[in-house]
Amino acid sequence: MAYVITDECIACGSCESECPVEAISEGEDKYVIDAKLCTDCGTCVDQCPVEAIVAGDGK
């Protein structure tokens, strides 16, 4: 199951450059992860300074 970025995202962009498959892009208010591209590697989770990236559907 792909990772998701919650509303806690501060749009700093630190996760985008670390994604090895370029699944993260800047959205309107926060960054978003394309579930079809995400390989569940978790690299983005370690980069997020506010812990806004979670596994699954965010619940």
C-alpha atoms as a PDB file:
ATOM      1  CA  MET A   1       0.000   0.000   0.000  1.00  0.00           C
ATOM      2  CA  ALA A   2       1.384   3.366  -0.999  1.00  0.00           C
ATOM      3  CA  TYR A   3       2.345   6.114   1.418  1.00  0.00           C
ATOM      4  CA  VAL A   4       0.184   9.230   1.668  1.00  0.00           C
ATOM      5  CA  ILE A   5       0.904  12.777   2.739  1.00  0.00           C
ATOM      6  CA  THR A   6      -1.473  14.134   5.372  1.00  0.00           C
ATOM      7  CA  ASP A   7      -2.777  17.658   5.846  1.00  0.00           C
ATOM      8  CA  GLU A   8       0.076  18.204   8.308  1.00  0.00           C
ATOM      9  CA  CYS A   9       2.349  18.759   5.277  1.00  0.00           C
ATOM     10  CA  ILE A  10       4.076  22.145   5.362  1.00  0.00           C
ATOM     11  CA  ALA A  11       4.983  21.961   1.649  1.00  0.00           C
ATOM     12  CA  CYS A  12       8.721  22.164   2.313  1.00  0.00           C
ATOM     13  CA  GLY A  13       9.561  19.826  -0.579  1.00  0.00           C
ATOM     14  CA  SER A  14      12.138  17.766   1.282  1.00  0.00           C
ATOM     15  CA  CYS A  15      10.387  14.521   0.346  1.00  0.00           C
ATOM     16  CA  GLU A  16      10.087  15.194  -3.385  1.00  0.00           C
ATOM     17  CA  SER A  17      13.795  15.175  -4.165  1.00  0.00           C
ATOM     18  CA  GLU A  18      14.363  11.986  -2.153  1.00  0.00           C
ATOM     19  CA  CYS A  19      11.790   9.824  -3.928  1.00  0.00           C
ATOM     20  CA  PRO A  20      13.696   7.349  -6.149  1.00  0.00           C
ATOM     21  CA  VAL A  21      10.717   6.813  -8.481  1.00  0.00           C
ATOM     22  CA  GLU A  22       9.539  10.448  -8.677  1.00  0.00           C
ATOM     23  CA  ALA A  23       6.129   9.584  -7.194  1.00  0.00           C
ATOM     24  CA  ILE A  24       5.925  12.822  -5.193  1.00  0.00           C
ATOM     25  CA  SER A  25       4.852  16.115  -6.689  1.00  0.00           C
ATOM     26  CA  GLU A  26       3.709  19.504  -5.477  1.00  0.00           C
ATOM     27  CA  GLY A  27      -0.043  19.768  -5.119  1.00  0.00           C
ATOM     28  CA  GLU A  28      -2.241  22.787  -4.560  1.00  0.00           C
ATOM     29  CA  ASP A  29      -1.796  23.026  -0.775  1.00  0.00           C
ATOM     30  CA  LYS A  30       0.596  20.184  -0.013  1.00  0.00           C
ATOM     31  CA  TYR A  31       2.757  17.596  -1.715  1.00  0.00           C
ATOM     32  CA  VAL A  32       1.066  14.440  -2.998  1.00  0.00           C
ATOM     33  CA  ILE A  33       2.207  10.880  -3.676  1.00  0.00           C
ATOM     34  CA  ASP A  34       1.061   9.054  -6.813  1.00  0.00           C
ATOM     35  CA  ALA A  35      -0.029   5.677  -5.461  1.00  0.00           C
ATOM     36  CA  LYS A  36       0.539   4.042  -8.851  1.00  0.00           C
ATOM     37  CA  LEU A  37       4.225   5.013  -8.783  1.00  0.00           C
ATOM     38  CA  CYS A  38       4.970   4.597  -5.054  1.00  0.00           C
ATOM     39  CA  THR A  39       7.043   1.502  -4.309  1.00  0.00           C
ATOM     40  CA  ASP A  40       6.606   1.669  -0.506  1.00  0.00           C
ATOM     41  CA  CYS A  41      10.333   2.210   0.062  1.00  0.00           C
ATOM     42  CA  GLY A  42       9.718   4.685   2.912  1.00  0.00           C
ATOM     43  CA  THR A  43      12.518   7.054   1.964  1.00  0.00           C
ATOM     44  CA  CYS A  44      10.138  10.006   2.047  1.00  0.00           C
ATOM     45  CA  VAL A  45       9.010   9.210   5.595  1.00  0.00           C
ATOM     46  CA  ASP A  46      12.509   9.757   6.945  1.00  0.00           C
ATOM     47  CA  GLN A  47      12.800  13.106   5.134  1.00  0.00           C
ATOM     48  CA  CYS A  48       9.602  14.699   6.436  1.00  0.00           C
ATOM     49  CA  PRO A  49      10.336  17.162   9.269  1.00  0.00           C
ATOM     50  CA  VAL A  50       6.727  17.165  10.516  1.00  0.00           C
ATOM     51  CA  GLU A  51       5.952  13.434  10.159  1.00  0.00           C
ATOM     52  CA  ALA A  52       3.199  14.126   7.608  1.00  0.00           C
ATOM     53  CA  ILE A  53       3.836  10.983   5.548  1.00  0.00           C
ATOM     54  CA  VAL A  54       2.078   7.805   6.661  1.00  0.00           C
ATOM     55  CA  ALA A  55       1.493   4.328   5.288  1.00  0.00           C
ATOM     56  CA  GLY A  56      -1.756   3.416   3.639  1.00  0.00           C
ATOM     57  CA  ASP A  57      -4.837   5.563   3.590  1.00  0.00           C
ATOM     58  CA  GLY A  58      -3.672   7.884   6.356  1.00  0.00           C
ATOM     59  CA  LYS A  59      -5.843   6.355   9.060  1.00  0.00           C
END
